[in-house]
């Protein structure tokens, strides 16, 4: 039990004294970057789904795969 207590104390000391936490401005800019990157990736996936026809079955556009199936 003493080893667990010692581990927890050392972990707390490391978090308080040795870790360099980001400032509020750095945290905000990193959060905005992650948000924008997430939106971009979601947009790319949406466009790929739409182009290749992974959408509702009753949709007007069935994608490139649907177009190929209609031709064949």
N, C-alpha and C. Protein backbone atom coordinates (compact mmCIF):
# COMPACT_ATOMS: atom_id res chain seq x y z
N UNK A 1 0.82 -1.19 0.00
CA UNK A 1 0.00 0.00 0.00
C UNK A 1 0.87 1.26 0.00
N UNK A 2 2.01 1.18 0.66
CA UNK A 2 2.88 2.36 0.73
C UNK A 2 3.45 2.70 -0.65
N UNK A 3 3.64 1.70 -1.50
CA UNK A 3 4.15 1.97 -2.84
C UNK A 3 3.12 2.74 -3.67
N UNK A 4 1.86 2.39 -3.50
CA UNK A 4 0.81 3.10 -4.23
C UNK A 4 0.72 4.54 -3.75
N UNK A 5 0.79 4.75 -2.45
CA UNK A 5 0.74 6.10 -1.89
C UNK A 5 1.93 6.92 -2.37
N UNK A 6 3.10 6.31 -2.37
CA UNK A 6 4.30 7.01 -2.84
C UNK A 6 4.17 7.37 -4.32
N UNK A 7 3.65 6.44 -5.11
CA UNK A 7 3.45 6.70 -6.54
C UNK A 7 2.51 7.88 -6.75
N UNK A 8 1.40 7.89 -6.02
CA UNK A 8 0.43 8.98 -6.16
C UNK A 8 1.02 10.32 -5.74
N UNK A 9 1.80 10.34 -4.67
CA UNK A 9 2.43 11.58 -4.22
C UNK A 9 3.43 12.09 -5.26
N UNK A 10 4.24 11.19 -5.79
CA UNK A 10 5.23 11.58 -6.80
C UNK A 10 4.55 12.05 -8.09
N UNK A 11 3.47 11.39 -8.45
CA UNK A 11 2.73 11.80 -9.65
C UNK A 11 2.15 13.20 -9.47
N UNK A 12 1.60 13.47 -8.30
CA UNK A 12 1.05 14.79 -8.02
C UNK A 12 2.14 15.85 -8.05
N UNK A 13 3.28 15.56 -7.43
CA UNK A 13 4.39 16.52 -7.43
C UNK A 13 4.87 16.80 -8.85
N UNK A 14 4.92 15.77 -9.66
CA UNK A 14 5.36 15.96 -11.04
C UNK A 14 4.37 16.84 -11.81
N UNK A 15 3.08 16.60 -11.60
CA UNK A 15 2.07 17.41 -12.28
C UNK A 15 2.12 18.86 -11.85
N UNK A 16 2.42 19.10 -10.58
CA UNK A 16 2.41 20.46 -10.05
C UNK A 16 3.70 21.21 -10.40
N UNK A 17 4.85 20.54 -10.31
CA UNK A 17 6.12 21.26 -10.42
C UNK A 17 6.83 21.08 -11.76
N UNK A 18 6.74 19.92 -12.39
CA UNK A 18 7.56 19.64 -13.57
C UNK A 18 6.84 19.83 -14.90
N UNK A 19 5.52 19.75 -14.89
CA UNK A 19 4.77 19.84 -16.13
C UNK A 19 4.60 21.31 -16.52
N UNK A 20 4.82 21.60 -17.79
CA UNK A 20 4.60 22.95 -18.31
C UNK A 20 3.23 22.98 -18.98
N UNK A 21 2.29 23.66 -18.35
CA UNK A 21 0.93 23.73 -18.88
C UNK A 21 0.84 24.86 -19.89
N UNK A 22 0.03 24.70 -20.93
CA UNK A 22 -0.11 25.78 -21.92
C UNK A 22 -0.86 26.97 -21.33
N UNK A 23 -0.55 28.14 -21.85
CA UNK A 23 -1.27 29.33 -21.41
C UNK A 23 -2.67 29.31 -22.02
N UNK A 24 -3.50 30.21 -21.55
CA UNK A 24 -4.86 30.27 -22.06
C UNK A 24 -4.91 30.58 -23.55
N UNK A 25 -4.01 31.47 -23.99
CA UNK A 25 -3.97 31.84 -25.40
C UNK A 25 -3.51 30.66 -26.26
N UNK A 26 -2.49 29.93 -25.80
CA UNK A 26 -2.01 28.75 -26.53
C UNK A 26 -3.10 27.68 -26.61
N UNK A 27 -3.79 27.49 -25.50
CA UNK A 27 -4.86 26.50 -25.46
C UNK A 27 -5.99 26.87 -26.42
N UNK A 28 -6.33 28.15 -26.46
CA UNK A 28 -7.39 28.61 -27.35
C UNK A 28 -6.98 28.43 -28.82
N UNK A 29 -5.76 28.79 -29.16
CA UNK A 29 -5.33 28.66 -30.55
C UNK A 29 -5.26 27.19 -30.97
N UNK A 30 -4.83 26.33 -30.07
CA UNK A 30 -4.79 24.90 -30.38
C UNK A 30 -6.20 24.34 -30.55
N UNK A 31 -7.12 24.80 -29.72
CA UNK A 31 -8.51 24.34 -29.83
C UNK A 31 -9.13 24.78 -31.14
N UNK A 32 -8.87 26.00 -31.55
CA UNK A 32 -9.39 26.50 -32.83
C UNK A 32 -8.80 25.70 -33.98
N UNK A 33 -7.52 25.39 -33.91
CA UNK A 33 -6.87 24.61 -34.95
C UNK A 33 -7.50 23.22 -35.07
N UNK A 34 -7.74 22.57 -33.94
CA UNK A 34 -8.37 21.24 -33.95
C UNK A 34 -9.78 21.33 -34.51
N UNK A 35 -10.53 22.37 -34.14
CA UNK A 35 -11.90 22.54 -34.63
C UNK A 35 -11.92 22.73 -36.14
N UNK A 36 -11.05 23.58 -36.65
CA UNK A 36 -11.00 23.85 -38.10
C UNK A 36 -10.57 22.59 -38.85
N UNK A 37 -9.58 21.88 -38.34
CA UNK A 37 -9.13 20.65 -38.99
C UNK A 37 -10.25 19.61 -39.00
N UNK A 38 -11.01 19.52 -37.91
CA UNK A 38 -12.13 18.57 -37.85
C UNK A 38 -13.19 18.92 -38.88
N UNK A 39 -13.50 20.21 -39.02
CA UNK A 39 -14.48 20.63 -40.03
C UNK A 39 -13.99 20.32 -41.44
N UNK A 40 -12.71 20.53 -41.69
CA UNK A 40 -12.16 20.25 -43.02
C UNK A 40 -12.23 18.76 -43.34
N UNK A 41 -11.87 17.93 -42.39
CA UNK A 41 -11.91 16.48 -42.62
C UNK A 41 -13.35 16.01 -42.80
N UNK A 42 -14.28 16.55 -41.99
CA UNK A 42 -15.69 16.20 -42.15
C UNK A 42 -16.20 16.61 -43.53
N UNK A 43 -15.78 17.78 -44.00
CA UNK A 43 -16.18 18.22 -45.33
C UNK A 43 -15.64 17.32 -46.43
N UNK A 44 -14.39 16.91 -46.29
CA UNK A 44 -13.79 16.01 -47.28
C UNK A 44 -14.53 14.68 -47.31
N UNK A 45 -14.84 14.13 -46.15
CA UNK A 45 -15.56 12.86 -46.08
C UNK A 45 -16.96 13.01 -46.68
N UNK A 46 -17.63 14.15 -46.38
CA UNK A 46 -18.96 14.39 -46.94
C UNK A 46 -18.91 14.43 -48.47
N UNK A 47 -17.94 15.15 -49.02
CA UNK A 47 -17.83 15.25 -50.48
C UNK A 47 -17.53 13.89 -51.09
N UNK A 48 -16.65 13.13 -50.47
CA UNK A 48 -16.33 11.80 -51.00
C UNK A 48 -17.56 10.89 -50.96
N UNK A 49 -18.33 10.94 -49.85
CA UNK A 49 -19.55 10.15 -49.77
C UNK A 49 -20.54 10.55 -50.86
N UNK A 50 -20.66 11.85 -51.10
CA UNK A 50 -21.61 12.33 -52.10
C UNK A 50 -21.16 11.94 -53.51
N UNK A 51 -19.88 12.10 -53.80
CA UNK A 51 -19.37 11.79 -55.13
C UNK A 51 -19.49 10.30 -55.43
N UNK A 52 -19.16 9.47 -54.47
CA UNK A 52 -19.16 8.03 -54.72
C UNK A 52 -20.51 7.38 -54.45
N UNK A 53 -21.52 8.16 -54.05
CA UNK A 53 -22.88 7.64 -53.98
C UNK A 53 -23.26 7.00 -52.67
N UNK A 54 -22.59 7.31 -51.60
CA UNK A 54 -22.96 6.78 -50.30
C UNK A 54 -23.92 7.78 -49.67
N UNK A 55 -25.17 7.73 -50.11
CA UNK A 55 -26.19 8.65 -49.62
C UNK A 55 -27.53 7.94 -49.59
N UNK A 56 -28.59 8.68 -49.40
CA UNK A 56 -29.92 8.08 -49.31
C UNK A 56 -30.28 7.37 -50.62
N UNK A 57 -31.02 6.27 -50.51
CA UNK A 57 -31.36 5.46 -51.68
C UNK A 57 -32.28 6.20 -52.64
N UNK A 58 -33.13 7.08 -52.15
CA UNK A 58 -34.07 7.78 -53.02
C UNK A 58 -33.51 9.12 -53.52
N UNK A 59 -32.21 9.30 -53.39
CA UNK A 59 -31.57 10.54 -53.81
C UNK A 59 -31.51 10.62 -55.33
N UNK A 60 -31.47 11.83 -55.86
CA UNK A 60 -31.36 12.04 -57.30
C UNK A 60 -29.99 11.58 -57.80
N UNK A 61 -28.96 11.88 -57.06
CA UNK A 61 -27.59 11.53 -57.44
C UNK A 61 -27.20 10.24 -56.76
N UNK A 62 -26.86 9.24 -57.53
CA UNK A 62 -26.45 7.96 -56.95
C UNK A 62 -24.94 7.78 -56.99
N UNK A 63 -24.22 8.84 -57.33
CA UNK A 63 -22.77 8.79 -57.29
C UNK A 63 -22.17 8.14 -58.52
N UNK A 64 -20.87 8.14 -58.56
CA UNK A 64 -20.16 7.54 -59.69
C UNK A 64 -20.41 6.05 -59.79
N UNK A 65 -20.50 5.39 -58.65
CA UNK A 65 -20.74 3.95 -58.65
C UNK A 65 -22.13 3.66 -59.22
N UNK A 66 -23.12 4.46 -58.81
CA UNK A 66 -24.47 4.29 -59.35
C UNK A 66 -24.53 4.56 -60.84
N UNK A 67 -23.77 5.56 -61.30
CA UNK A 67 -23.72 5.87 -62.72
C UNK A 67 -23.11 4.71 -63.51
N UNK A 68 -22.07 4.12 -62.98
CA UNK A 68 -21.44 2.96 -63.64
C UNK A 68 -22.41 1.79 -63.68
N UNK A 69 -23.15 1.56 -62.59
CA UNK A 69 -24.12 0.46 -62.56
C UNK A 69 -25.25 0.69 -63.56
N UNK A 70 -25.65 1.95 -63.78
CA UNK A 70 -26.70 2.24 -64.75
C UNK A 70 -26.21 1.97 -66.17
N UNK A 71 -24.96 2.29 -66.45
CA UNK A 71 -24.39 2.07 -67.78
C UNK A 71 -24.24 0.58 -68.05
N UNK A 72 -23.82 -0.17 -67.06
CA UNK A 72 -23.63 -1.61 -67.24
C UNK A 72 -24.98 -2.27 -67.18
